[in-house]
Amino acid sequence: MKKIKITLVKSPIDRPQRQKDTLVALGLKKMNATKEVEATPQILGMVNKVQHLVAVEELA
């Protein structure tokens, strides 16, 4: 499977609790935290819900 790199670029302060929980589930707890994960449909769905807070890069 493809891997993607997710980086938290905007603060989750003043966001709904569901979005904060989604970021924690992705493993992003601090600003500029980066995580490399498999691009499964579940992960892509979570990224889609918080796309305004994260930056996503595809890895080879």
N, C-alpha and C. Protein backbone atom coordinates (compact mmCIF):
# COMPACT_ATOMS: atom_id res chain seq x y z
N MET A 1 0.83 -1.19 0.00
CA MET A 1 0.00 0.00 0.00
C MET A 1 0.87 1.25 0.00
N LYS A 2 0.27 2.33 -0.46
CA LYS A 2 0.98 3.61 -0.45
C LYS A 2 1.04 4.14 0.98
N LYS A 3 2.07 4.91 1.23
CA LYS A 3 2.20 5.59 2.52
C LYS A 3 2.01 7.08 2.28
N ILE A 4 1.50 7.74 3.30
CA ILE A 4 1.36 9.19 3.25
C ILE A 4 1.98 9.78 4.51
N LYS A 5 2.45 11.01 4.38
CA LYS A 5 3.02 11.74 5.52
C LYS A 5 2.04 12.85 5.87
N ILE A 6 1.58 12.86 7.13
CA ILE A 6 0.59 13.84 7.60
C ILE A 6 1.28 14.75 8.60
N THR A 7 1.15 16.06 8.43
CA THR A 7 1.75 17.04 9.33
C THR A 7 0.67 17.99 9.83
N LEU A 8 0.61 18.20 11.13
CA LEU A 8 -0.34 19.14 11.73
C LEU A 8 0.21 20.55 11.54
N VAL A 9 -0.49 21.38 10.75
CA VAL A 9 0.02 22.71 10.44
C VAL A 9 -0.81 23.84 11.06
N LYS A 10 -2.03 23.55 11.49
CA LYS A 10 -2.86 24.55 12.15
C LYS A 10 -3.30 24.01 13.50
N SER A 11 -3.48 24.90 14.44
CA SER A 11 -3.82 24.53 15.80
C SER A 11 -5.26 24.01 15.91
N PRO A 12 -5.46 22.96 16.70
CA PRO A 12 -6.83 22.47 16.93
C PRO A 12 -7.58 23.25 18.00
N ILE A 13 -6.97 24.29 18.54
CA ILE A 13 -7.66 25.11 19.54
C ILE A 13 -8.88 25.75 18.89
N ASP A 14 -9.98 25.80 19.60
CA ASP A 14 -11.24 26.39 19.13
C ASP A 14 -11.87 25.58 18.00
N ARG A 15 -11.59 24.29 17.95
CA ARG A 15 -12.20 23.39 16.97
C ARG A 15 -13.13 22.44 17.71
N PRO A 16 -14.08 21.83 17.02
CA PRO A 16 -14.97 20.86 17.67
C PRO A 16 -14.19 19.67 18.23
N GLN A 17 -14.73 19.08 19.29
CA GLN A 17 -14.06 17.97 19.96
C GLN A 17 -13.84 16.79 19.01
N ARG A 18 -14.75 16.57 18.07
CA ARG A 18 -14.59 15.46 17.13
C ARG A 18 -13.34 15.63 16.28
N GLN A 19 -13.03 16.86 15.88
CA GLN A 19 -11.84 17.10 15.08
C GLN A 19 -10.59 16.90 15.93
N LYS A 20 -10.63 17.33 17.19
CA LYS A 20 -9.50 17.11 18.09
C LYS A 20 -9.26 15.62 18.30
N ASP A 21 -10.34 14.86 18.48
CA ASP A 21 -10.22 13.41 18.67
C ASP A 21 -9.66 12.74 17.42
N THR A 22 -10.05 13.22 16.26
CA THR A 22 -9.54 12.66 15.00
C THR A 22 -8.05 12.89 14.88
N LEU A 23 -7.58 14.07 15.26
CA LEU A 23 -6.14 14.35 15.21
C LEU A 23 -5.37 13.44 16.15
N VAL A 24 -5.91 13.22 17.35
CA VAL A 24 -5.25 12.33 18.31
C VAL A 24 -5.22 10.91 17.75
N ALA A 25 -6.30 10.48 17.11
CA ALA A 25 -6.36 9.14 16.52
C ALA A 25 -5.33 8.99 15.40
N LEU A 26 -5.04 10.08 14.71
CA LEU A 26 -4.01 10.05 13.67
C LEU A 26 -2.61 10.12 14.27
N GLY A 27 -2.50 10.42 15.56
CA GLY A 27 -1.20 10.48 16.22
C GLY A 27 -0.59 11.86 16.20
N LEU A 28 -1.40 12.89 15.95
CA LEU A 28 -0.90 14.27 15.89
C LEU A 28 -1.37 15.03 17.12
N LYS A 29 -0.44 15.25 18.06
CA LYS A 29 -0.80 15.90 19.31
C LYS A 29 -0.24 17.30 19.44
N LYS A 30 0.85 17.59 18.72
CA LYS A 30 1.49 18.90 18.82
C LYS A 30 1.63 19.52 17.44
N MET A 31 1.78 20.82 17.41
CA MET A 31 1.99 21.52 16.15
C MET A 31 3.25 21.00 15.46
N ASN A 32 3.18 20.90 14.16
CA ASN A 32 4.27 20.42 13.30
C ASN A 32 4.65 18.97 13.57
N ALA A 33 3.79 18.23 14.27
CA ALA A 33 4.01 16.80 14.45
C ALA A 33 3.76 16.12 13.11
N THR A 34 4.60 15.13 12.79
CA THR A 34 4.49 14.43 11.52
C THR A 34 4.36 12.94 11.78
N LYS A 35 3.51 12.28 10.98
CA LYS A 35 3.29 10.85 11.11
C LYS A 35 3.26 10.24 9.71
N GLU A 36 3.93 9.10 9.53
CA GLU A 36 3.86 8.36 8.28
C GLU A 36 2.94 7.17 8.50
N VAL A 37 1.89 7.08 7.69
CA VAL A 37 0.90 6.01 7.86
C VAL A 37 0.55 5.42 6.51
N GLU A 38 -0.03 4.20 6.54
CA GLU A 38 -0.54 3.57 5.33
C GLU A 38 -1.78 4.32 4.86
N ALA A 39 -1.97 4.41 3.57
CA ALA A 39 -3.10 5.15 3.00
C ALA A 39 -4.31 4.22 2.88
N THR A 40 -4.86 3.81 4.01
CA THR A 40 -6.06 2.97 4.01
C THR A 40 -7.29 3.86 3.88
N PRO A 41 -8.42 3.31 3.50
CA PRO A 41 -9.64 4.12 3.40
C PRO A 41 -10.02 4.78 4.73
N GLN A 42 -9.76 4.10 5.84
CA GLN A 42 -10.09 4.67 7.14
C GLN A 42 -9.22 5.89 7.43
N ILE A 43 -7.94 5.80 7.18
CA ILE A 43 -7.02 6.92 7.41
C ILE A 43 -7.35 8.08 6.48
N LEU A 44 -7.63 7.77 5.21
CA LEU A 44 -7.95 8.83 4.26
C LEU A 44 -9.24 9.54 4.65
N GLY A 45 -10.20 8.82 5.21
CA GLY A 45 -11.43 9.44 5.69
C GLY A 45 -11.17 10.38 6.85
N MET A 46 -10.29 9.96 7.78
CA MET A 46 -9.95 10.83 8.91
C MET A 46 -9.23 12.08 8.43
N VAL A 47 -8.30 11.90 7.48
CA VAL A 47 -7.56 13.04 6.93
C VAL A 47 -8.53 14.00 6.24
N ASN A 48 -9.52 13.46 5.55
CA ASN A 48 -10.49 14.30 4.85
C ASN A 48 -11.28 15.16 5.84
N LYS A 49 -11.57 14.66 7.02
CA LYS A 49 -12.34 15.40 8.02
C LYS A 49 -11.56 16.55 8.62
N VAL A 50 -10.23 16.45 8.65
CA VAL A 50 -9.40 17.51 9.24
C VAL A 50 -8.43 18.09 8.21
N GLN A 51 -8.82 18.07 6.94
CA GLN A 51 -7.92 18.51 5.88
C GLN A 51 -7.53 19.98 5.99
N HIS A 52 -8.34 20.78 6.69
CA HIS A 52 -8.03 22.20 6.85
C HIS A 52 -6.97 22.43 7.95
N LEU A 53 -6.61 21.38 8.69
CA LEU A 53 -5.63 21.50 9.77
C LEU A 53 -4.32 20.80 9.46
N VAL A 54 -4.29 19.96 8.43
CA VAL A 54 -3.11 19.15 8.17
C VAL A 54 -2.60 19.35 6.74
N ALA A 55 -1.33 18.98 6.54
CA ALA A 55 -0.73 18.93 5.22
C ALA A 55 -0.40 17.47 4.93
N VAL A 56 -0.70 17.02 3.73
CA VAL A 56 -0.52 15.60 3.37
C VAL A 56 0.42 15.51 2.18
N GLU A 57 1.40 14.58 2.29
CA GLU A 57 2.33 14.32 1.19
C GLU A 57 2.32 12.83 0.92
N GLU A 58 2.37 12.46 -0.36
CA GLU A 58 2.49 11.05 -0.72
C GLU A 58 3.95 10.68 -0.71
N LEU A 59 4.22 9.47 -0.22
CA LEU A 59 5.59 8.95 -0.20
C LEU A 59 5.71 7.88 -1.28
N ALA A 60 6.91 7.71 -1.77
CA ALA A 60 7.14 6.73 -2.85
C ALA A 60 7.03 5.31 -2.35
